[in-house]
N, C-alpha and C. Protein backbone atom coordinates (compact mmCIF):
# COMPACT_ATOMS: atom_id res chain seq x y z
N MET A 1 77.78 102.85 -111.18
CA MET A 1 77.49 102.10 -109.96
C MET A 1 75.97 101.91 -109.86
N PRO A 2 75.50 100.69 -109.71
CA PRO A 2 74.06 100.45 -109.64
C PRO A 2 73.46 101.00 -108.36
N GLU A 3 72.22 101.45 -108.49
CA GLU A 3 71.51 102.00 -107.34
C GLU A 3 71.01 100.85 -106.47
N SER A 4 71.24 100.96 -105.15
CA SER A 4 70.78 99.91 -104.24
C SER A 4 69.27 100.01 -104.05
N HIS A 5 68.69 98.95 -103.52
CA HIS A 5 67.25 98.93 -103.26
C HIS A 5 66.86 100.04 -102.28
N ALA A 6 67.68 100.24 -101.25
CA ALA A 6 67.39 101.29 -100.26
C ALA A 6 67.45 102.67 -100.90
N ASP A 7 68.43 102.89 -101.77
CA ASP A 7 68.53 104.18 -102.44
C ASP A 7 67.33 104.42 -103.35
N ALA A 8 66.92 103.38 -104.06
CA ALA A 8 65.76 103.50 -104.95
C ALA A 8 64.50 103.78 -104.15
N THR A 9 64.36 103.13 -103.00
CA THR A 9 63.18 103.32 -102.16
C THR A 9 63.14 104.73 -101.61
N THR A 10 64.25 105.24 -101.13
CA THR A 10 64.25 106.60 -100.57
C THR A 10 64.12 107.65 -101.66
N ALA A 11 64.58 107.35 -102.88
CA ALA A 11 64.44 108.29 -103.98
C ALA A 11 62.97 108.48 -104.36
N ARG A 12 62.18 107.45 -104.21
CA ARG A 12 60.75 107.53 -104.54
C ARG A 12 59.90 107.31 -103.29
N TRP A 13 60.31 107.93 -102.21
CA TRP A 13 59.68 107.71 -100.92
C TRP A 13 58.20 108.08 -100.91
N GLN A 14 57.80 109.11 -101.68
CA GLN A 14 56.40 109.51 -101.68
C GLN A 14 55.52 108.38 -102.23
N GLU A 15 55.99 107.70 -103.26
CA GLU A 15 55.23 106.59 -103.84
C GLU A 15 55.11 105.44 -102.83
N VAL A 16 56.20 105.18 -102.11
CA VAL A 16 56.19 104.12 -101.12
C VAL A 16 55.21 104.45 -100.00
N VAL A 17 55.23 105.68 -99.53
CA VAL A 17 54.31 106.10 -98.47
C VAL A 17 52.87 106.00 -98.95
N ALA A 18 52.60 106.47 -100.15
CA ALA A 18 51.24 106.40 -100.69
C ALA A 18 50.76 104.96 -100.78
N SER A 19 51.63 104.06 -101.20
CA SER A 19 51.27 102.65 -101.30
C SER A 19 50.99 102.05 -99.92
N LEU A 20 51.82 102.39 -98.95
CA LEU A 20 51.61 101.89 -97.59
C LEU A 20 50.30 102.40 -96.99
N LEU A 21 49.98 103.64 -97.25
CA LEU A 21 48.76 104.21 -96.69
C LEU A 21 47.51 103.71 -97.41
N ALA A 22 47.62 103.48 -98.70
CA ALA A 22 46.48 103.00 -99.47
C ALA A 22 46.17 101.54 -99.18
N ASN A 23 47.19 100.79 -98.79
CA ASN A 23 47.04 99.36 -98.53
C ASN A 23 47.46 99.05 -97.11
N ARG A 24 46.88 99.76 -96.17
CA ARG A 24 47.29 99.67 -94.76
C ARG A 24 47.19 98.23 -94.25
N THR A 25 48.30 97.72 -93.75
CA THR A 25 48.34 96.40 -93.14
C THR A 25 48.92 96.53 -91.74
N ARG A 26 49.03 95.42 -91.05
CA ARG A 26 49.51 95.43 -89.67
C ARG A 26 50.91 96.03 -89.55
N GLY A 27 51.79 95.80 -90.49
CA GLY A 27 53.17 96.29 -90.39
C GLY A 27 53.43 97.61 -91.06
N ALA A 28 52.38 98.30 -91.52
CA ALA A 28 52.58 99.55 -92.25
C ALA A 28 53.26 100.62 -91.40
N GLY A 29 52.87 100.72 -90.14
CA GLY A 29 53.49 101.72 -89.26
C GLY A 29 54.98 101.47 -89.08
N ASP A 30 55.35 100.21 -88.89
CA ASP A 30 56.76 99.87 -88.75
C ASP A 30 57.53 100.16 -90.04
N ALA A 31 56.90 99.88 -91.17
CA ALA A 31 57.54 100.15 -92.46
C ALA A 31 57.75 101.65 -92.65
N LEU A 32 56.77 102.45 -92.23
CA LEU A 32 56.92 103.91 -92.32
C LEU A 32 58.07 104.40 -91.43
N VAL A 33 58.19 103.84 -90.26
CA VAL A 33 59.29 104.23 -89.36
C VAL A 33 60.64 103.85 -89.98
N ARG A 34 60.74 102.64 -90.53
CA ARG A 34 61.99 102.22 -91.17
C ARG A 34 62.33 103.11 -92.36
N LEU A 35 61.33 103.46 -93.15
CA LEU A 35 61.57 104.37 -94.27
C LEU A 35 62.02 105.73 -93.75
N GLY A 36 61.37 106.21 -92.70
CA GLY A 36 61.78 107.48 -92.08
C GLY A 36 63.22 107.43 -91.59
N ASP A 37 63.60 106.31 -90.99
CA ASP A 37 64.98 106.16 -90.52
C ASP A 37 65.97 106.20 -91.69
N ALA A 38 65.62 105.53 -92.80
CA ALA A 38 66.50 105.53 -93.98
C ALA A 38 66.61 106.94 -94.56
N LEU A 39 65.51 107.66 -94.59
CA LEU A 39 65.54 109.03 -95.09
C LEU A 39 66.35 109.93 -94.17
N ARG A 40 66.20 109.72 -92.89
CA ARG A 40 66.94 110.52 -91.90
C ARG A 40 68.44 110.30 -92.03
N MET A 41 68.84 109.06 -92.28
CA MET A 41 70.27 108.76 -92.47
C MET A 41 70.82 109.48 -93.69
N ARG A 42 69.97 109.77 -94.67
CA ARG A 42 70.38 110.48 -95.88
C ARG A 42 70.14 111.99 -95.75
N ARG A 43 69.89 112.43 -94.53
CA ARG A 43 69.69 113.85 -94.21
C ARG A 43 68.48 114.45 -94.92
N ARG A 44 67.45 113.64 -95.11
CA ARG A 44 66.19 114.10 -95.69
C ARG A 44 65.21 114.27 -94.53
N THR A 45 65.48 115.26 -93.69
CA THR A 45 64.78 115.45 -92.42
C THR A 45 63.27 115.63 -92.60
N ALA A 46 62.86 116.50 -93.49
CA ALA A 46 61.42 116.76 -93.67
C ALA A 46 60.70 115.49 -94.14
N ALA A 47 61.31 114.76 -95.04
CA ALA A 47 60.70 113.52 -95.53
C ALA A 47 60.62 112.49 -94.40
N ALA A 48 61.68 112.39 -93.61
CA ALA A 48 61.69 111.45 -92.49
C ALA A 48 60.59 111.81 -91.49
N HIS A 49 60.46 113.08 -91.17
CA HIS A 49 59.45 113.51 -90.21
C HIS A 49 58.04 113.25 -90.74
N THR A 50 57.85 113.38 -92.04
CA THR A 50 56.56 113.06 -92.64
C THR A 50 56.21 111.59 -92.39
N CYS A 51 57.19 110.72 -92.60
CA CYS A 51 56.97 109.29 -92.35
C CYS A 51 56.65 109.03 -90.89
N TYR A 52 57.39 109.66 -89.99
CA TYR A 52 57.16 109.46 -88.56
C TYR A 52 55.76 109.92 -88.16
N LEU A 53 55.32 111.06 -88.69
CA LEU A 53 53.98 111.56 -88.38
C LEU A 53 52.90 110.59 -88.89
N LEU A 54 53.08 110.10 -90.11
CA LEU A 54 52.11 109.18 -90.69
C LEU A 54 52.11 107.83 -89.98
N ALA A 55 53.21 107.50 -89.32
CA ALA A 55 53.29 106.25 -88.55
C ALA A 55 52.77 106.45 -87.12
N ASP A 56 52.27 107.64 -86.83
CA ASP A 56 51.74 107.98 -85.50
C ASP A 56 52.80 107.96 -84.40
N LEU A 57 54.04 108.25 -84.76
CA LEU A 57 55.09 108.37 -83.76
C LEU A 57 54.90 109.71 -83.03
N PRO A 58 55.00 109.71 -81.72
CA PRO A 58 54.77 110.97 -80.99
C PRO A 58 55.98 111.90 -81.08
N LEU A 59 55.68 113.19 -81.13
CA LEU A 59 56.74 114.19 -80.96
C LEU A 59 57.17 114.11 -79.50
N ASP A 60 58.45 113.97 -79.24
CA ASP A 60 58.89 113.78 -77.86
C ASP A 60 60.25 114.43 -77.66
N CYS A 61 60.25 115.57 -77.02
CA CYS A 61 61.51 116.28 -76.79
C CYS A 61 62.19 115.87 -75.49
N LEU A 62 61.54 115.06 -74.68
CA LEU A 62 62.11 114.71 -73.38
C LEU A 62 62.89 113.41 -73.38
N ARG A 63 62.64 112.54 -74.35
CA ARG A 63 63.34 111.26 -74.40
C ARG A 63 64.61 111.39 -75.23
N PRO A 64 65.74 110.90 -74.74
CA PRO A 64 66.99 111.00 -75.51
C PRO A 64 66.98 110.15 -76.78
N ASP A 65 66.12 109.14 -76.85
CA ASP A 65 66.08 108.28 -78.04
C ASP A 65 64.95 108.66 -79.00
N ALA A 66 64.37 109.85 -78.82
CA ALA A 66 63.26 110.29 -79.67
C ALA A 66 63.72 110.42 -81.12
N LYS A 67 62.85 110.02 -82.04
CA LYS A 67 63.15 110.14 -83.47
C LYS A 67 63.08 111.60 -83.91
N PHE A 68 62.12 112.34 -83.34
CA PHE A 68 62.02 113.76 -83.66
C PHE A 68 61.32 114.48 -82.52
N ALA A 69 61.74 115.72 -82.31
CA ALA A 69 61.20 116.52 -81.22
C ALA A 69 60.63 117.84 -81.73
N LEU A 70 61.18 118.32 -82.83
CA LEU A 70 60.74 119.58 -83.42
C LEU A 70 60.70 119.36 -84.92
N LEU A 71 59.53 119.54 -85.52
CA LEU A 71 59.40 119.28 -86.95
C LEU A 71 60.41 120.09 -87.76
N GLY A 72 61.11 119.41 -88.65
CA GLY A 72 62.07 120.06 -89.52
C GLY A 72 63.46 120.20 -88.93
N SER A 73 63.64 119.83 -87.67
CA SER A 73 64.95 119.93 -87.03
C SER A 73 65.49 118.55 -86.73
N GLU A 74 66.76 118.36 -86.98
CA GLU A 74 67.40 117.07 -86.69
C GLU A 74 67.72 117.00 -85.22
N VAL A 75 67.19 116.00 -84.54
CA VAL A 75 67.33 115.85 -83.10
C VAL A 75 68.80 115.70 -82.67
N THR A 76 69.63 115.04 -83.45
CA THR A 76 71.02 114.81 -83.05
C THR A 76 71.82 116.09 -82.98
N ARG A 77 71.38 117.12 -83.66
CA ARG A 77 72.09 118.40 -83.60
C ARG A 77 72.01 119.03 -82.22
N PHE A 78 70.98 118.67 -81.47
CA PHE A 78 70.75 119.28 -80.17
C PHE A 78 71.00 118.30 -79.02
N ALA A 79 71.64 117.20 -79.32
CA ALA A 79 71.83 116.14 -78.33
C ALA A 79 72.63 116.60 -77.12
N GLY A 80 73.52 117.55 -77.30
CA GLY A 80 74.34 118.02 -76.18
C GLY A 80 73.67 119.04 -75.29
N LEU A 81 72.50 119.52 -75.67
CA LEU A 81 71.83 120.55 -74.88
C LEU A 81 71.04 119.97 -73.75
């Protein structure tokens, strides 16, 4: 089964992040958030949080739609608390 573009991108996420940071453009922050979301969907929490931090997303434990509230912890696991 051929690897999809999204799978290839998340497999080499460090290279993608390095490229985005080295060639910072107007949409780099949004691209980092999208990459973080793709990594998060694949349960790569630490990698996703790295992308969110580099995109300057705030840590926010009070908003129900927060991407991350505690580094290294998946926010959806605590949604019922």
